[in-house]
Protein backbone atom coordinates (compact mmCIF):
# COMPACT_ATOMS: atom_id res chain seq x y z
CA MET A 1 12.30 21.25 -9.68
CA ARG A 2 14.37 18.71 -7.71
CA LEU A 3 11.66 16.09 -8.25
CA LYS A 4 11.56 16.74 -11.99
CA ILE A 5 15.32 16.16 -12.22
CA ARG A 6 14.75 12.72 -10.63
CA SER A 7 12.25 11.81 -13.42
CA VAL A 8 9.26 12.06 -11.10
CA ALA A 9 6.11 12.58 -13.18
CA PHE A 10 3.49 15.20 -12.39
CA GLU A 11 -0.09 14.13 -13.07
CA SER A 12 -1.81 17.40 -13.92
CA LEU A 13 -5.41 16.23 -13.51
CA ILE A 14 -5.07 14.95 -9.96
CA ARG A 15 -1.85 16.82 -9.11
CA PRO A 16 0.28 14.23 -7.33
CA TRP A 17 3.83 13.49 -8.24
CA SER A 18 4.51 9.86 -9.02
CA ILE A 19 7.39 7.58 -9.79
CA GLU A 20 7.65 3.86 -10.43
CA LEU A 21 10.49 2.12 -8.63
CA PRO A 22 11.70 -1.43 -8.21
CA GLU A 23 11.50 -2.62 -4.62
CA ASN A 24 15.26 -2.33 -4.08
CA GLN A 25 15.09 1.47 -4.66
CA VAL A 26 12.12 2.29 -2.40
CA ALA A 27 14.10 2.87 0.82
CA THR A 28 16.53 5.22 -0.95
CA GLU A 29 13.70 7.24 -2.51
CA ILE A 30 11.81 7.55 0.79
CA ASP A 31 15.02 8.67 2.51
CA TYR A 32 15.55 11.29 -0.20
CA LEU A 33 11.97 12.58 0.09
CA LYS A 34 12.16 12.79 3.89
CA ASN A 35 15.49 14.61 3.93
CA GLU A 36 15.39 16.77 0.79
CA ILE A 37 11.71 17.50 0.10
CA TYR A 38 9.60 17.12 3.25
CA ASN A 39 12.37 17.67 5.84
CA SER A 40 10.43 15.46 8.26
CA GLN A 41 8.50 12.25 8.59
CA MET A 42 5.85 11.80 5.94
CA ASN A 43 2.82 9.77 5.05
CA ILE A 44 2.45 9.61 1.29
CA PRO A 45 0.17 7.12 -0.46
CA VAL A 46 1.87 4.17 -2.11
CA ASP A 47 0.48 1.78 -4.70
CA ILE A 48 2.01 -1.61 -5.37
CA PHE A 49 1.56 -2.96 -8.88
CA ASP A 50 1.65 -6.60 -9.82
CA ALA A 51 0.99 -8.14 -13.22
CA PHE A 52 -2.76 -8.32 -12.57
CA SER A 53 -3.15 -4.68 -11.57
CA ARG A 54 -0.84 -3.41 -14.30
CA PHE A 55 -1.93 -5.44 -17.33
CA SER A 56 -5.42 -6.72 -16.59
CA LEU A 57 -8.38 -5.55 -18.62
CA ASN A 58 -10.10 -5.49 -15.22
CA SER A 59 -7.92 -2.69 -13.90
CA TYR A 60 -11.02 -0.93 -12.61
CA VAL A 61 -11.38 -3.69 -10.02
CA LYS A 62 -10.00 -2.56 -6.66
CA GLN A 63 -6.74 -4.34 -5.91
CA ASP A 64 -6.66 -6.58 -2.83
CA LYS A 65 -3.91 -4.88 -0.83
CA SER A 66 -3.99 -7.47 1.97
CA LYS A 67 -1.55 -9.68 0.05
CA TYR A 68 0.94 -6.80 0.16
CA ALA A 69 0.35 -5.88 3.81
CA ASP A 70 3.95 -6.72 4.76
CA LYS A 71 5.36 -4.41 2.07
CA ILE A 72 2.89 -1.62 2.92
CA ASN A 73 3.87 -1.89 6.62
CA TRP A 74 7.56 -1.79 5.67
CA ILE A 75 7.04 1.34 3.53
CA ASN A 76 4.99 3.04 6.26
CA GLY A 77 7.75 2.25 8.76
CA LEU A 78 10.33 3.84 6.46
CA GLN A 79 8.18 6.96 6.04
CA ASN A 80 7.65 7.41 9.78
CA ALA A 81 11.16 6.56 10.97
CA LYS A 82 13.03 9.48 12.48
């Protein structure tokens, strides 16, 4: 219920919770999840959307995540920090 209050969407077909955040809110959300939901370190999947992946008619094409490696590493560090 706490996630629903925060406007986190539940995808019923694949069952994960999801939320779209601007980059400046990611650290706060990860801190909240670690302290209020998981009560520990975590390793949740994260997708980064750019204009191509969000609006392209070719959205079925796998996104090249190497261009976002620095952001993915930053997010993983936040998730695994004690």
